[in-house]
Amino acid sequence: WLPSEEQWRVRLEGQPARTDMNVSDAGTMRLEGSLERATTVGAV
């Protein structure tokens, strides 16, 4: 979502896994924070 004109907020949560084998429980990964506008991706 966009809390202000120049900043996005992002939130992601999920369980890591592998497609080539059974990984029964590898914990939980989370990501949260903000990204701001810029002319290039490297400058974000």
PDB file of all heavy atoms in Angstrom:
ATOM      1  N   TRP A   1       0.840  -1.191   0.000  1.00  0.00           N
ATOM      2  CA  TRP A   1       0.000   0.000   0.000  1.00  0.00           C
ATOM      3  C   TRP A   1       0.880   1.248   0.000  1.00  0.00           C
ATOM      4  O   TRP A   1       2.103   1.155   0.158  1.00  0.00           O
ATOM      5  CB  TRP A   1      -0.970  -0.003   1.177  1.00  0.00           C
ATOM      6  CG  TRP A   1      -0.358   0.122   2.537  1.00  0.00           C
ATOM      7  CD1 TRP A   1      -0.258   1.255   3.297  1.00  0.00           C
ATOM      8  CD2 TRP A   1       0.242  -0.920   3.314  1.00  0.00           C
ATOM      9  NE1 TRP A   1       0.356   0.978   4.484  1.00  0.00           N
ATOM     10  CE2 TRP A   1       0.665  -0.346   4.533  1.00  0.00           C
ATOM     11  CE3 TRP A   1       0.460  -2.283   3.103  1.00  0.00           C
ATOM     12  CZ2 TRP A   1       1.302  -1.092   5.525  1.00  0.00           C
ATOM     13  CZ3 TRP A   1       1.079  -3.025   4.087  1.00  0.00           C
ATOM     14  CH2 TRP A   1       1.492  -2.437   5.291  1.00  0.00           C
ATOM     15  N   LEU A   2       0.259   2.413  -0.172  1.00  0.00           N
ATOM     16  CA  LEU A   2       0.976   3.673  -0.301  1.00  0.00           C
ATOM     17  C   LEU A   2       0.566   4.589   0.855  1.00  0.00           C
ATOM     18  O   LEU A   2      -0.450   5.280   0.775  1.00  0.00           O
ATOM     19  CB  LEU A   2       0.657   4.331  -1.651  1.00  0.00           C
ATOM     20  CG  LEU A   2       1.517   5.517  -2.085  1.00  0.00           C
ATOM     21  CD1 LEU A   2       2.925   5.061  -2.445  1.00  0.00           C
ATOM     22  CD2 LEU A   2       0.870   6.242  -3.272  1.00  0.00           C
ATOM     23  N   PRO A   3       1.324   4.634   1.959  1.00  0.00           N
ATOM     24  CA  PRO A   3       0.948   5.483   3.087  1.00  0.00           C
ATOM     25  C   PRO A   3       1.170   6.969   2.814  1.00  0.00           C
ATOM     26  O   PRO A   3       0.501   7.823   3.406  1.00  0.00           O
ATOM     27  CB  PRO A   3       1.844   4.984   4.229  1.00  0.00           C
ATOM     28  CG  PRO A   3       3.014   4.375   3.551  1.00  0.00           C
ATOM     29  CD  PRO A   3       2.516   3.821   2.251  1.00  0.00           C
ATOM     30  N   SER A   4       2.140   7.305   1.946  1.00  0.00           N
ATOM     31  CA  SER A   4       2.372   8.693   1.557  1.00  0.00           C
ATOM     32  C   SER A   4       2.694   8.726   0.069  1.00  0.00           C
ATOM     33  O   SER A   4       2.918   7.690  -0.556  1.00  0.00           O
ATOM     34  CB  SER A   4       3.525   9.306   2.371  1.00  0.00           C
ATOM     35  OG  SER A   4       4.734   8.626   2.108  1.00  0.00           O
ATOM     36  N   GLU A   5       2.744   9.897  -0.506  1.00  0.00           N
ATOM     37  CA  GLU A   5       2.890  10.006  -1.958  1.00  0.00           C
ATOM     38  C   GLU A   5       4.206   9.430  -2.460  1.00  0.00           C
ATOM     39  O   GLU A   5       4.289   8.987  -3.597  1.00  0.00           O
ATOM     40  CB  GLU A   5       2.768  11.474  -2.377  1.00  0.00           C
ATOM     41  CG  GLU A   5       1.370  12.053  -2.198  1.00  0.00           C
ATOM     42  CD  GLU A   5       1.274  13.468  -2.730  1.00  0.00           C
ATOM     43  OE1 GLU A   5       2.316  13.993  -3.204  1.00  0.00           O
ATOM     44  OE2 GLU A   5       0.181  14.058  -2.683  1.00  0.00           O
ATOM     45  N   GLU A   6       5.239   9.417  -1.640  1.00  0.00           N
ATOM     46  CA  GLU A   6       6.561   8.990  -2.089  1.00  0.00           C
ATOM     47  C   GLU A   6       7.008   7.659  -1.492  1.00  0.00           C
ATOM     48  O   GLU A   6       8.159   7.260  -1.690  1.00  0.00           O
ATOM     49  CB  GLU A   6       7.604  10.069  -1.747  1.00  0.00           C
ATOM     50  CG  GLU A   6       7.336  11.419  -2.388  1.00  0.00           C
ATOM     51  CD  GLU A   6       7.375  11.355  -3.903  1.00  0.00           C
ATOM     52  OE1 GLU A   6       8.202  10.579  -4.424  1.00  0.00           O
ATOM     53  OE2 GLU A   6       6.590  12.067  -4.551  1.00  0.00           O
ATOM     54  N   GLN A   7       6.149   6.970  -0.773  1.00  0.00           N
ATOM     55  CA  GLN A   7       6.602   5.769  -0.061  1.00  0.00           C
ATOM     56  C   GLN A   7       5.572   4.653  -0.150  1.00  0.00           C
ATOM     57  O   GLN A   7       4.379   4.876   0.046  1.00  0.00           O
ATOM     58  CB  GLN A   7       6.867   6.107   1.410  1.00  0.00           C
ATOM     59  CG  GLN A   7       7.431   4.943   2.226  1.00  0.00           C
ATOM     60  CD  GLN A   7       7.523   5.283   3.702  1.00  0.00           C
ATOM     61  OE1 GLN A   7       6.546   5.187   4.433  1.00  0.00           O
ATOM     62  NE2 GLN A   7       8.709   5.686   4.140  1.00  0.00           N
ATOM     63  N   TRP A   8       6.071   3.436  -0.445  1.00  0.00           N
ATOM     64  CA  TRP A   8       5.254   2.233  -0.382  1.00  0.00           C
ATOM     65  C   TRP A   8       5.614   1.457   0.890  1.00  0.00           C
ATOM     66  O   TRP A   8       6.765   1.464   1.336  1.00  0.00           O
ATOM     67  CB  TRP A   8       5.513   1.314  -1.580  1.00  0.00           C
ATOM     68  CG  TRP A   8       4.952   1.786  -2.877  1.00  0.00           C
ATOM     69  CD1 TRP A   8       3.663   1.694  -3.313  1.00  0.00           C
ATOM     70  CD2 TRP A   8       5.674   2.410  -3.941  1.00  0.00           C
ATOM     71  NE1 TRP A   8       3.539   2.225  -4.571  1.00  0.00           N
ATOM     72  CE2 TRP A   8       4.768   2.685  -4.992  1.00  0.00           C
ATOM     73  CE3 TRP A   8       7.010   2.779  -4.113  1.00  0.00           C
ATOM     74  CZ2 TRP A   8       5.143   3.288  -6.170  1.00  0.00           C
ATOM     75  CZ3 TRP A   8       7.395   3.385  -5.286  1.00  0.00           C
ATOM     76  CH2 TRP A   8       6.458   3.636  -6.299  1.00  0.00           C
ATOM     77  N   ARG A   9       4.625   0.771   1.427  1.00  0.00           N
ATOM     78  CA  ARG A   9       4.856  -0.179   2.513  1.00  0.00           C
ATOM     79  C   ARG A   9       4.562  -1.574   1.980  1.00  0.00           C
ATOM     80  O   ARG A   9       3.621  -1.786   1.207  1.00  0.00           O
ATOM     81  CB  ARG A   9       3.947   0.104   3.708  1.00  0.00           C
ATOM     82  CG  ARG A   9       4.247   1.385   4.432  1.00  0.00           C
ATOM     83  CD  ARG A   9       5.518   1.323   5.246  1.00  0.00           C
ATOM     84  NE  ARG A   9       5.470   0.308   6.286  1.00  0.00           N
ATOM     85  CZ  ARG A   9       6.463   0.067   7.130  1.00  0.00           C
ATOM     86  NH1 ARG A   9       7.604   0.754   7.026  1.00  0.00           N
ATOM     87  NH2 ARG A   9       6.353  -0.871   8.044  1.00  0.00           N
ATOM     88  N   VAL A  10       5.392  -2.535   2.405  1.00  0.00           N
ATOM     89  CA  VAL A  10       5.248  -3.900   1.924  1.00  0.00           C
ATOM     90  C   VAL A  10       5.339  -4.853   3.108  1.00  0.00           C
ATOM     91  O   VAL A  10       6.047  -4.597   4.081  1.00  0.00           O
ATOM     92  CB  VAL A  10       6.346  -4.228   0.877  1.00  0.00           C
ATOM     93  CG1 VAL A  10       7.736  -4.116   1.485  1.00  0.00           C
ATOM     94  CG2 VAL A  10       6.142  -5.601   0.275  1.00  0.00           C
ATOM     95  N   ARG A  11       4.599  -5.958   3.019  1.00  0.00           N
ATOM     96  CA  ARG A  11       4.629  -6.983   4.061  1.00  0.00           C
ATOM     97  C   ARG A  11       4.474  -8.343   3.386  1.00  0.00           C
ATOM     98  O   ARG A  11       3.608  -8.541   2.530  1.00  0.00           O
ATOM     99  CB  ARG A  11       3.508  -6.764   5.077  1.00  0.00           C
ATOM    100  CG  ARG A  11       3.507  -7.775   6.220  1.00  0.00           C
ATOM    101  CD  ARG A  11       2.526  -7.385   7.318  1.00  0.00           C
ATOM    102  NE  ARG A  11       1.164  -7.293   6.827  1.00  0.00           N
ATOM    103  CZ  ARG A  11       0.437  -6.185   6.830  1.00  0.00           C
ATOM    104  NH1 ARG A  11       0.969  -5.053   7.285  1.00  0.00           N
ATOM    105  NH2 ARG A  11      -0.792  -6.181   6.363  1.00  0.00           N
ATOM    106  N   LEU A  12       5.357  -9.298   3.752  1.00  0.00           N
ATOM    107  CA  LEU A  12       5.350 -10.628   3.162  1.00  0.00           C
ATOM    108  C   LEU A  12       5.652 -11.651   4.246  1.00  0.00           C
ATOM    109  O   LEU A  12       6.543 -11.455   5.072  1.00  0.00           O
ATOM    110  CB  LEU A  12       6.401 -10.733   2.047  1.00  0.00           C
ATOM    111  CG  LEU A  12       6.618 -12.103   1.406  1.00  0.00           C
ATOM    112  CD1 LEU A  12       5.362 -12.550   0.660  1.00  0.00           C
ATOM    113  CD2 LEU A  12       7.820 -12.079   0.470  1.00  0.00           C
ATOM    114  N   GLU A  13       4.910 -12.751   4.248  1.00  0.00           N
ATOM    115  CA  GLU A  13       5.130 -13.835   5.207  1.00  0.00           C
ATOM    116  C   GLU A  13       4.807 -15.169   4.538  1.00  0.00           C
ATOM    117  O   GLU A  13       3.829 -15.279   3.805  1.00  0.00           O
ATOM    118  CB  GLU A  13       4.256 -13.654   6.447  1.00  0.00           C
ATOM    119  CG  GLU A  13       4.410 -14.761   7.477  1.00  0.00           C
ATOM    120  CD  GLU A  13       3.574 -14.523   8.730  1.00  0.00           C
ATOM    121  OE1 GLU A  13       3.293 -13.354   9.040  1.00  0.00           O
ATOM    122  OE2 GLU A  13       3.207 -15.520   9.396  1.00  0.00           O
ATOM    123  N   GLY A  14       5.659 -16.166   4.772  1.00  0.00           N
ATOM    124  CA  GLY A  14       5.415 -17.475   4.174  1.00  0.00           C
ATOM    125  C   GLY A  14       6.347 -18.521   4.737  1.00  0.00           C
ATOM    126  O   GLY A  14       7.228 -18.239   5.557  1.00  0.00           O
ATOM    127  N   GLN A  15       6.171 -19.757   4.265  1.00  0.00           N
ATOM    128  CA  GLN A  15       6.987 -20.893   4.698  1.00  0.00           C
ATOM    129  C   GLN A  15       7.909 -21.314   3.562  1.00  0.00           C
ATOM    130  O   GLN A  15       7.434 -21.620   2.465  1.00  0.00           O
ATOM    131  CB  GLN A  15       6.103 -22.077   5.111  1.00  0.00           C
ATOM    132  CG  GLN A  15       5.504 -21.965   6.501  1.00  0.00           C
ATOM    133  CD  GLN A  15       4.466 -20.861   6.620  1.00  0.00           C
ATOM    134  OE1 GLN A  15       3.559 -20.766   5.802  1.00  0.00           O
ATOM    135  NE2 GLN A  15       4.604 -20.011   7.625  1.00  0.00           N
ATOM    136  N   PRO A  16       9.235 -21.325   3.793  1.00  0.00           N
ATOM    137  CA  PRO A  16      10.161 -21.754   2.745  1.00  0.00           C
ATOM    138  C   PRO A  16      10.038 -23.250   2.477  1.00  0.00           C
ATOM    139  O   PRO A  16       9.756 -24.037   3.390  1.00  0.00           O
ATOM    140  CB  PRO A  16      11.536 -21.401   3.330  1.00  0.00           C
ATOM    141  CG  PRO A  16      11.329 -21.415   4.812  1.00  0.00           C
ATOM    142  CD  PRO A  16       9.917 -20.959   5.045  1.00  0.00           C
ATOM    143  N   ALA A  17      10.261 -23.646   1.234  1.00  0.00           N
ATOM    144  CA  ALA A  17      10.140 -25.055   0.847  1.00  0.00           C
ATOM    145  C   ALA A  17      11.047 -25.318  -0.348  1.00  0.00           C
ATOM    146  O   ALA A  17      11.600 -24.396  -0.962  1.00  0.00           O
ATOM    147  CB  ALA A  17       8.688 -25.395   0.511  1.00  0.00           C
ATOM    148  N   ARG A  18      11.215 -26.606  -0.660  1.00  0.00           N
ATOM    149  CA  ARG A  18      11.931 -27.039  -1.860  1.00  0.00           C
ATOM    150  C   ARG A  18      10.984 -27.853  -2.722  1.00  0.00           C
ATOM    151  O   ARG A  18      10.130 -28.584  -2.209  1.00  0.00           O
ATOM    152  CB  ARG A  18      13.151 -27.884  -1.501  1.00  0.00           C
ATOM    153  CG  ARG A  18      14.322 -27.107  -0.946  1.00  0.00           C
ATOM    154  CD  ARG A  18      15.515 -28.017  -0.733  1.00  0.00           C
ATOM    155  NE  ARG A  18      16.109 -28.451  -1.992  1.00  0.00           N
ATOM    156  CZ  ARG A  18      17.224 -27.936  -2.508  1.00  0.00           C
ATOM    157  NH1 ARG A  18      17.855 -26.954  -1.876  1.00  0.00           N
ATOM    158  NH2 ARG A  18      17.714 -28.394  -3.639  1.00  0.00           N
ATOM    159  N   THR A  19      11.177 -27.734  -4.024  1.00  0.00           N
ATOM    160  CA  THR A  19      10.320 -28.467  -4.945  1.00  0.00           C
ATOM    161  C   THR A  19      10.845 -29.856  -5.263  1.00  0.00           C
ATOM    162  O   THR A  19      10.106 -30.682  -5.787  1.00  0.00           O
ATOM    163  CB  THR A  19      10.168 -27.672  -6.256  1.00  0.00           C
ATOM    164  OG1 THR A  19      11.476 -27.447  -6.822  1.00  0.00           O
ATOM    165  CG2 THR A  19       9.509 -26.325  -6.001  1.00  0.00           C
ATOM    166  N   ASP A  20      12.143 -30.124  -4.953  1.00  0.00           N
ATOM    167  CA  ASP A  20      12.733 -31.406  -5.321  1.00  0.00           C
ATOM    168  C   ASP A  20      12.822 -32.386  -4.157  1.00  0.00           C
ATOM    169  O   ASP A  20      13.352 -33.481  -4.309  1.00  0.00           O
ATOM    170  CB  ASP A  20      14.122 -31.189  -5.915  1.00  0.00           C
ATOM    171  CG  ASP A  20      15.047 -30.436  -4.960  1.00  0.00           C
ATOM    172  OD1 ASP A  20      14.557 -29.939  -3.927  1.00  0.00           O
ATOM    173  OD2 ASP A  20      16.257 -30.346  -5.253  1.00  0.00           O
ATOM    174  N   MET A  21      12.350 -32.002  -2.978  1.00  0.00           N
ATOM    175  CA  MET A  21      12.352 -32.925  -1.842  1.00  0.00           C
ATOM    176  C   MET A  21      11.363 -32.429  -0.801  1.00  0.00           C
ATOM    177  O   MET A  21      10.893 -31.290  -0.843  1.00  0.00           O
ATOM    178  CB  MET A  21      13.753 -33.053  -1.237  1.00  0.00           C
ATOM    179  CG  MET A  21      14.271 -31.801  -0.574  1.00  0.00           C
ATOM    180  SD  MET A  21      15.797 -32.082   0.362  1.00  0.00           S
ATOM    181  CE  MET A  21      16.767 -32.946  -0.843  1.00  0.00           C
ATOM    182  N   ASN A  22      11.076 -33.311   0.139  1.00  0.00           N
ATOM    183  CA  ASN A  22      10.128 -32.985   1.196  1.00  0.00           C
ATOM    184  C   ASN A  22      10.851 -32.320   2.359  1.00  0.00           C
ATOM    185  O   ASN A  22      11.663 -32.936   3.027  1.00  0.00           O
ATOM    186  CB  ASN A  22       9.417 -34.253   1.677  1.00  0.00           C
ATOM    187  CG  ASN A  22       8.406 -33.957   2.771  1.00  0.00           C
ATOM    188  OD1 ASN A  22       7.877 -32.850   2.839  1.00  0.00           O
ATOM    189  ND2 ASN A  22       8.143 -34.933   3.618  1.00  0.00           N
ATOM    190  N   VAL A  23      10.584 -31.040   2.573  1.00  0.00           N
ATOM    191  CA  VAL A  23      11.070 -30.307   3.740  1.00  0.00           C
ATOM    192  C   VAL A  23       9.855 -30.034   4.606  1.00  0.00           C
ATOM    193  O   VAL A  23       9.035 -29.173   4.293  1.00  0.00           O
ATOM    194  CB  VAL A  23      11.773 -28.999   3.329  1.00  0.00           C
ATOM    195  CG1 VAL A  23      12.253 -28.247   4.561  1.00  0.00           C
ATOM    196  CG2 VAL A  23      12.941 -29.287   2.396  1.00  0.00           C
ATOM    197  N   SER A  24       9.733 -30.812   5.684  1.00  0.00           N
ATOM    198  CA  SER A  24       8.487 -30.807   6.441  1.00  0.00           C
ATOM    199  C   SER A  24       8.233 -29.492   7.161  1.00  0.00           C
ATOM    200  O   SER A  24       7.111 -28.993   7.192  1.00  0.00           O
ATOM    201  CB  SER A  24       8.491 -31.962   7.448  1.00  0.00           C
ATOM    202  OG  SER A  24       9.587 -31.843   8.339  1.00  0.00           O
ATOM    203  N   ASP A  25       9.264 -28.889   7.748  1.00  0.00           N
ATOM    204  CA  ASP A  25       9.064 -27.659   8.512  1.00  0.00           C
ATOM    205  C   ASP A  25      10.374 -26.906   8.560  1.00  0.00           C
ATOM    206  O   ASP A  25      11.316 -27.305   9.232  1.00  0.00           O
ATOM    207  CB  ASP A  25       8.581 -27.972   9.938  1.00  0.00           C
ATOM    208  CG  ASP A  25       8.420 -26.715  10.783  1.00  0.00           C
ATOM    209  OD1 ASP A  25       8.356 -25.621  10.193  1.00  0.00           O
ATOM    210  OD2 ASP A  25       8.363 -26.830  12.023  1.00  0.00           O
ATOM    211  N   ALA A  26      10.458 -25.816   7.824  1.00  0.00           N
ATOM    212  CA  ALA A  26      11.680 -25.015   7.791  1.00  0.00           C
ATOM    213  C   ALA A  26      11.452 -23.640   8.387  1.00  0.00           C
ATOM    214  O   ALA A  26      12.140 -22.679   8.041  1.00  0.00           O
ATOM    215  CB  ALA A  26      12.195 -24.894   6.359  1.00  0.00           C
ATOM    216  N   GLY A  27      10.489 -23.508   9.282  1.00  0.00           N
ATOM    217  CA  GLY A  27      10.252 -22.240   9.952  1.00  0.00           C
ATOM    218  C   GLY A  27       9.410 -21.286   9.126  1.00  0.00           C
ATOM    219  O   GLY A  27       8.764 -21.664   8.149  1.00  0.00           O
ATOM    220  N   THR A  28       9.445 -20.010   9.522  1.00  0.00           N
ATOM    221  CA  THR A  28       8.645 -18.968   8.877  1.00  0.00           C
ATOM    222  C   THR A  28       9.531 -17.796   8.504  1.00  0.00           C
ATOM    223  O   THR A  28      10.347 -17.341   9.313  1.00  0.00           O
ATOM    224  CB  THR A  28       7.527 -18.479   9.816  1.00  0.00           C
ATOM    225  OG1 THR A  28       6.682 -19.580  10.163  1.00  0.00           O
ATOM    226  CG2 THR A  28       6.691 -17.408   9.143  1.00  0.00           C
ATOM    227  N   MET A  29       9.376 -17.306   7.269  1.00  0.00           N
ATOM    228  CA  MET A  29      10.105 -16.131   6.802  1.00  0.00           C
ATOM    229  C   MET A  29       9.165 -14.941   6.718  1.00  0.00           C
ATOM    230  O   MET A  29       8.022 -15.075   6.277  1.00  0.00           O
ATOM    231  CB  MET A  29      10.724 -16.389   5.425  1.00  0.00           C
ATOM    232  CG  MET A  29      11.866 -17.379   5.437  1.00  0.00           C
ATOM    233  SD  MET A  29      12.658 -17.525   3.801  1.00  0.00           S
ATOM    234  CE  MET A  29      14.024 -18.630   4.185  1.00  0.00           C
ATOM    235  N   ARG A  30       9.659 -13.785   7.154  1.00  0.00           N
ATOM    236  CA  ARG A  30       8.862 -12.548   7.120  1.00  0.00           C
ATOM    237  C   ARG A  30       9.704 -11.408   6.554  1.00  0.00           C
ATOM    238  O   ARG A  30      10.916 -11.370   6.744  1.00  0.00           O
ATOM    239  CB  ARG A  30       8.369 -12.176   8.518  1.00  0.00           C
ATOM    240  CG  ARG A  30       7.411 -13.169   9.133  1.00  0.00           C
ATOM    241  CD  ARG A  30       6.936 -12.704  10.510  1.00  0.00           C
ATOM    242  NE  ARG A  30       5.972 -13.618  11.097  1.00  0.00           N
ATOM    243  CZ  ARG A  30       6.299 -14.668  11.849  1.00  0.00           C
ATOM    244  NH1 ARG A  30       7.579 -14.924  12.101  1.00  0.00           N
ATOM    245  NH2 ARG A  30       5.370 -15.452  12.345  1.00  0.00           N
ATOM    246  N   LEU A  31       9.022 -10.490   5.876  1.00  0.00           N
ATOM    247  CA  LEU A  31       9.654  -9.286   5.344  1.00  0.00           C
ATOM    248  C   LEU A  31       8.668  -8.131   5.498  1.00  0.00           C
ATOM    249  O   LEU A  31       7.498  -8.251   5.138  1.00  0.00           O
ATOM    250  CB  LEU A  31      10.023  -9.471   3.870  1.00  0.00           C
ATOM    251  CG  LEU A  31      10.565  -8.231   3.149  1.00  0.00           C
ATOM    252  CD1 LEU A  31      11.942  -7.865   3.674  1.00  0.00           C
ATOM    253  CD2 LEU A  31      10.615  -8.459   1.635  1.00  0.00           C
ATOM    254  N   GLU A  32       9.152  -7.020   6.030  1.00  0.00           N
ATOM    255  CA  GLU A  32       8.292  -5.847   6.198  1.00  0.00           C
ATOM    256  C   GLU A  32       9.150  -4.605   6.122  1.00  0.00           C
ATOM    257  O   GLU A  32      10.301  -4.591   6.576  1.00  0.00           O
ATOM    258  CB  GLU A  32       7.552  -5.903   7.531  1.00  0.00           C
ATOM    259  CG  GLU A  32       6.528  -4.792   7.709  1.00  0.00           C
ATOM    260  CD  GLU A  32       5.594  -5.005   8.885  1.00  0.00           C
ATOM    261  OE1 GLU A  32       5.714  -6.051   9.545  1.00  0.00           O
ATOM    262  OE2 GLU A  32       4.762  -4.122   9.134  1.00  0.00           O
ATOM    263  N   GLY A  33       8.592  -3.543   5.523  1.00  0.00           N
ATOM    264  CA  GLY A  33       9.340  -2.303   5.452  1.00  0.00           C
ATOM    265  C   GLY A  33       8.789  -1.376   4.398  1.00  0.00           C
ATOM    266  O   GLY A  33       7.622  -1.477   3.983  1.00  0.00           O
ATOM    267  N   SER A  34       9.641  -0.460   3.941  1.00  0.00           N
ATOM    268  CA  SER A  34       9.206   0.580   3.013  1.00  0.00           C
ATOM    269  C   SER A  34      10.167   0.709   1.844  1.00  0.00           C
ATOM    270  O   SER A  34      11.352   0.396   1.950  1.00  0.00           O
ATOM    271  CB  SER A  34       9.102   1.923   3.734  1.00  0.00           C
ATOM    272  OG  SER A  34      10.370   2.334   4.202  1.00  0.00           O
ATOM    273  N   LEU A  35       9.610   1.161   0.706  1.00  0.00           N
ATOM    274  CA  LEU A  35      10.374   1.504  -0.491  1.00  0.00           C
ATOM    275  C   LEU A  35       9.892   2.866  -0.952  1.00  0.00           C
ATOM    276  O   LEU A  35       8.691   3.171  -0.868  1.00  0.00           O
ATOM    277  CB  LEU A  35      10.184   0.483  -1.616  1.00  0.00           C
ATOM    278  CG  LEU A  35      10.561  -0.977  -1.369  1.00  0.00           C
ATOM    279  CD1 LEU A  35       9.372  -1.734  -0.786  1.00  0.00           C
ATOM    280  CD2 LEU A  35      11.006  -1.639  -2.660  1.00  0.00           C
ATOM    281  N   GLU A  36      10.816   3.698  -1.470  1.00  0.00           N
ATOM    282  CA  GLU A  36      10.451   5.026  -1.926  1.00  0.00           C
ATOM    283  C   GLU A  36      10.659   5.151  -3.428  1.00  0.00           C
ATOM    284  O   GLU A  36      11.337   4.344  -4.052  1.00  0.00           O
ATOM    285  CB  GLU A  36      11.273   6.079  -1.177  1.00  0.00           C
ATOM    286  CG  GLU A  36      11.034   6.064   0.328  1.00  0.00           C
ATOM    287  CD  GLU A  36      11.823   7.133   1.054  1.00  0.00           C
ATOM    288  OE1 GLU A  36      12.373   8.033   0.358  1.00  0.00           O
ATOM    289  OE2 GLU A  36      11.895   7.087   2.298  1.00  0.00           O
ATOM    290  N   ARG A  37      10.056   6.167  -3.987  1.00  0.00           N
ATOM    291  CA  ARG A  37      10.155   6.402  -5.428  1.00  0.00           C
ATOM    292  C   ARG A  37      11.570   6.836  -5.803  1.00  0.00           C
ATOM    293  O   ARG A  37      12.255   7.515  -5.041  1.00  0.00           O
ATOM    294  CB  ARG A  37       9.160   7.480  -5.870  1.00  0.00           C
ATOM    295  CG  ARG A  37       7.700   7.106  -5.695  1.00  0.00           C
ATOM    296  CD  ARG A  37       6.822   8.255  -6.157  1.00  0.00           C
ATOM    297  NE  ARG A  37       5.409   8.045  -5.870  1.00  0.00           N
ATOM    298  CZ  ARG A  37       4.555   7.473  -6.708  1.00  0.00           C
ATOM    299  NH1 ARG A  37       4.985   7.062  -7.888  1.00  0.00           N
ATOM    300  NH2 ARG A  37       3.288   7.334  -6.381  1.00  0.00           N
ATOM    301  N   ALA A  38      11.998   6.448  -7.004  1.00  0.00           N
ATOM    302  CA  ALA A  38      13.287   6.876  -7.549  1.00  0.00           C
ATOM    303  C   ALA A  38      13.262   6.666  -9.049  1.00  0.00           C
ATOM    304  O   ALA A  38      12.419   5.935  -9.588  1.00  0.00           O
ATOM    305  CB  ALA A  38      14.439   6.104  -6.909  1.00  0.00           C
ATOM    306  N   THR A  39      14.219   7.296  -9.741  1.00  0.00           N
ATOM    307  CA  THR A  39      14.250   7.211 -11.198  1.00  0.00           C
ATOM    308  C   THR A  39      14.771   5.869 -11.681  1.00  0.00           C
ATOM    309  O   THR A  39      14.433   5.416 -12.769  1.00  0.00           O
ATOM    310  CB  THR A  39      15.122   8.335 -11.765  1.00  0.00           C
ATOM    311  OG1 THR A  39      16.423   8.270 -11.151  1.00  0.00           O
ATOM    312  CG2 THR A  39      14.502   9.698 -11.456  1.00  0.00           C
ATOM    313  N   THR A  40      15.634   5.208 -10.888  1.00  0.00           N
ATOM    314  CA  THR A  40      16.163   3.889 -11.240  1.00  0.00           C
ATOM    315  C   THR A  40      15.962   2.945 -10.069  1.00  0.00           C
ATOM    316  O   THR A  40      15.806   3.373  -8.915  1.00  0.00           O
ATOM    317  CB  THR A  40      17.667   3.952 -11.581  1.00  0.00           C
ATOM    318  OG1 THR A  40      18.404   4.382 -10.422  1.00  0.00           O
ATOM    319  CG2 THR A  40      17.914   4.916 -12.732  1.00  0.00           C
ATOM    320  N   VAL A  41      16.000   1.646 -10.355  1.00  0.00           N
ATOM    321  CA  VAL A  41      15.811   0.646  -9.300  1.00  0.00           C
ATOM    322  C   VAL A  41      16.945   0.709  -8.285  1.00  0.00           C
ATOM    323  O   VAL A  41      16.716   0.603  -7.070  1.00  0.00           O
ATOM    324  CB  VAL A  41      15.711  -0.764  -9.913  1.00  0.00           C
ATOM    325  CG1 VAL A  41      15.651  -1.827  -8.825  1.00  0.00           C
ATOM    326  CG2 VAL A  41      14.492  -0.869 -10.810  1.00  0.00           C
ATOM    327  N   GLY A  42      18.176   0.901  -8.755  1.00  0.00           N
ATOM    328  CA  GLY A  42      19.296   0.962  -7.828  1.00  0.00           C
ATOM    329  C   GLY A  42      19.240   2.137  -6.886  1.00  0.00           C
ATOM    330  O   GLY A  42      19.818   2.090  -5.793  1.00  0.00           O
ATOM    331  N   ALA A  43      18.543   3.199  -7.278  1.00  0.00           N
ATOM    332  CA  ALA A  43      18.444   4.389  -6.431  1.00  0.00           C
ATOM    333  C   ALA A  43      17.254   4.351  -5.479  1.00  0.00           C
ATOM    334  O   ALA A  43      17.082   5.283  -4.690  1.00  0.00           O
ATOM    335  CB  ALA A  43      18.367   5.638  -7.314  1.00  0.00           C
ATOM    336  N   VAL A  44      16.430   3.315  -5.534  1.00  0.00           N
ATOM    337  CA  VAL A  44      15.246   3.227  -4.674  1.00  0.00           C
ATOM    338  C   VAL A  44      15.679   3.095  -3.210  1.00  0.00           C
ATOM    339  O   VAL A  44      16.340   2.121  -2.838  1.00  0.00           O
ATOM    340  CB  VAL A  44      14.373   2.023  -5.069  1.00  0.00           C
ATOM    341  CG1 VAL A  44      13.260   1.806  -4.049  1.00  0.00           C
ATOM    342  CG2 VAL A  44      13.789   2.229  -6.456  1.00  0.00           C
TER     343      VAL A  44
END
